Amino acid sequence: MRTKLLEEVESEQIRKDLPEIREGYNVKVHVRIKEGNKERIQIFEGLVIAAYGTGINKSIQVRKDSYGIGVERIFKLNSPLISSIEVTRKNKVRRAKLYYMRDLQGKSARLKEIKNTK
């Protein structure tokens, strides 16, 4: 049971500068990386195959192919290590978890893009 005080503290710490992110979206996650006393931003670009949690505990799992090897990473959305997130493409999917994408390659791994109708 969540207390009102806990919800109040969490609501102050939730980031509001991030776009809506759902399964099937292609995103660029700008991650702060610390190497010694230097800090740089590295971009991790891939497909969101899963989203977990709510509120302050919200996280996404992003998958990309790097030189023929699948790489997956889980990002906490409210983490200070994430400087920004860009949505590059919105794809139409019918599932909440896209783990089946791990087994697909080439043309079979394509998803249909959602067309903007304004």
Protein backbone atom coordinates (compact mmCIF):
# COMPACT_ATOMS: atom_id res chain seq x y z
CA MET A 1 0.00 0.00 0.00
CA ARG A 2 1.51 3.29 -1.12
CA THR A 3 1.27 6.17 1.28
CA LYS A 4 0.36 9.67 0.25
CA LEU A 5 3.71 11.03 1.47
CA LEU A 6 5.63 8.49 -0.63
CA GLU A 7 3.62 9.37 -3.75
CA GLU A 8 4.26 13.08 -3.11
CA VAL A 9 8.03 12.63 -2.88
CA GLU A 10 8.11 10.40 -5.98
CA SER A 11 6.02 12.82 -8.06
CA GLU A 12 8.60 15.57 -7.48
CA GLN A 13 11.40 13.37 -8.84
CA ILE A 14 9.66 12.07 -11.98
CA ARG A 15 11.10 13.61 -15.15
CA LYS A 16 8.64 15.48 -17.31
CA ASP A 17 11.03 16.37 -20.16
CA LEU A 18 10.89 12.92 -21.81
CA PRO A 19 8.52 12.03 -24.68
CA GLU A 20 5.95 9.24 -24.53
CA ILE A 21 7.76 5.94 -25.11
CA ARG A 22 6.00 2.68 -25.94
CA GLU A 23 6.90 -0.77 -27.21
CA GLY A 24 7.71 -0.76 -30.91
CA TYR A 25 9.21 2.74 -30.96
CA ASN A 26 12.71 3.27 -32.32
CA VAL A 27 14.55 5.57 -29.93
CA LYS A 28 17.90 7.27 -29.45
CA VAL A 29 18.88 7.26 -25.79
CA HIS A 30 21.58 9.82 -24.91
CA VAL A 31 23.49 8.31 -21.97
CA ARG A 32 26.06 10.10 -19.83
CA ILE A 33 29.23 8.00 -19.51
CA LYS A 34 31.89 8.82 -16.96
CA GLU A 35 35.48 7.84 -17.81
CA GLY A 36 37.89 8.85 -15.08
CA ASN A 37 37.27 12.54 -14.44
CA LYS A 38 35.75 13.17 -17.91
CA GLU A 39 32.12 12.84 -18.88
CA ARG A 40 30.72 12.30 -22.37
CA ILE A 41 27.40 11.45 -23.96
CA GLN A 42 26.97 8.21 -25.89
CA ILE A 43 23.93 7.48 -28.05
CA PHE A 44 22.29 4.04 -27.89
CA GLU A 45 19.84 3.67 -30.77
CA GLY A 46 17.44 0.76 -31.06
CA LEU A 47 13.94 -0.70 -30.76
CA VAL A 48 11.99 -0.63 -27.49
CA ILE A 49 11.07 -4.29 -26.97
CA ALA A 50 9.63 -3.97 -23.44
CA ALA A 51 8.55 -1.38 -20.87
CA TYR A 52 8.36 -2.11 -17.16
CA GLY A 53 7.06 -0.41 -14.04
CA THR A 54 5.17 2.79 -13.39
CA GLY A 55 5.95 6.17 -11.93
CA ILE A 56 9.48 6.57 -10.63
CA ASN A 57 10.31 2.90 -11.38
CA LYS A 58 9.52 3.10 -15.11
CA SER A 59 12.16 1.52 -17.34
CA ILE A 60 12.51 0.43 -20.97
CA GLN A 61 14.46 -2.36 -22.65
CA VAL A 62 16.11 -1.29 -25.92
CA ARG A 63 17.57 -3.70 -28.48
CA LYS A 64 19.94 -3.01 -31.36
CA ASP A 65 22.11 -5.07 -33.70
CA SER A 66 25.77 -4.16 -33.50
CA TYR A 67 27.88 -5.83 -36.20
CA GLY A 68 25.52 -8.80 -36.39
CA ILE A 69 25.28 -9.30 -32.62
CA GLY A 70 22.13 -8.34 -30.72
CA VAL A 71 22.71 -5.95 -27.83
CA GLU A 72 20.02 -5.19 -25.26
CA ARG A 73 20.11 -2.63 -22.51
CA ILE A 74 17.63 -1.63 -19.80
CA PHE A 75 17.31 2.07 -18.98
CA LYS A 76 15.62 3.58 -15.94
CA LEU A 77 13.73 6.55 -17.40
CA ASN A 78 14.08 8.76 -14.32
CA SER A 79 17.82 8.17 -13.98
CA PRO A 80 20.14 11.22 -14.02
CA LEU A 81 22.44 9.23 -16.35
CA ILE A 82 19.98 9.73 -19.23
CA SER A 83 20.40 13.20 -20.69
CA SER A 84 17.63 12.90 -23.30
CA ILE A 85 15.60 10.47 -25.39
CA GLU A 86 14.50 10.99 -29.01
CA VAL A 87 11.77 8.98 -30.71
CA THR A 88 12.93 8.41 -34.30
CA ARG A 89 10.15 6.14 -35.53
CA LYS A 90 6.83 4.76 -34.28
CA ASN A 91 5.98 1.22 -35.34
CA LYS A 92 2.67 -0.60 -35.16
CA VAL A 93 2.84 -3.60 -32.80
CA ARG A 94 0.17 -5.78 -31.24
CA ARG A 95 2.08 -7.06 -28.22
CA ALA A 96 3.45 -5.57 -25.03
CA LYS A 97 6.69 -7.58 -25.11
CA LEU A 98 8.55 -7.93 -28.42
CA TYR A 99 10.94 -10.70 -27.40
CA TYR A 100 10.25 -12.52 -30.68
CA MET A 101 12.34 -9.85 -32.44
CA ARG A 102 15.45 -11.55 -31.01
CA ASP A 103 15.00 -14.47 -33.42
CA LEU A 104 14.30 -12.39 -36.55
CA GLN A 105 16.81 -11.03 -39.06
CA GLY A 106 16.67 -9.02 -42.26
CA LYS A 107 13.31 -8.47 -43.92
CA SER A 108 11.38 -10.54 -41.39
CA ALA A 109 12.51 -8.15 -38.63
CA ARG A 110 10.72 -5.18 -40.21
CA LEU A 111 7.77 -3.51 -38.49
CA LYS A 112 5.12 -1.29 -40.08
CA GLU A 113 5.51 2.39 -39.35
CA ILE A 114 2.59 4.38 -37.94
CA LYS A 115 1.66 7.19 -40.31
CA ASN A 116 0.92 10.56 -38.72
CA THR A 117 -2.66 11.59 -39.46
CA LYS A 118 -3.26 15.16 -38.38
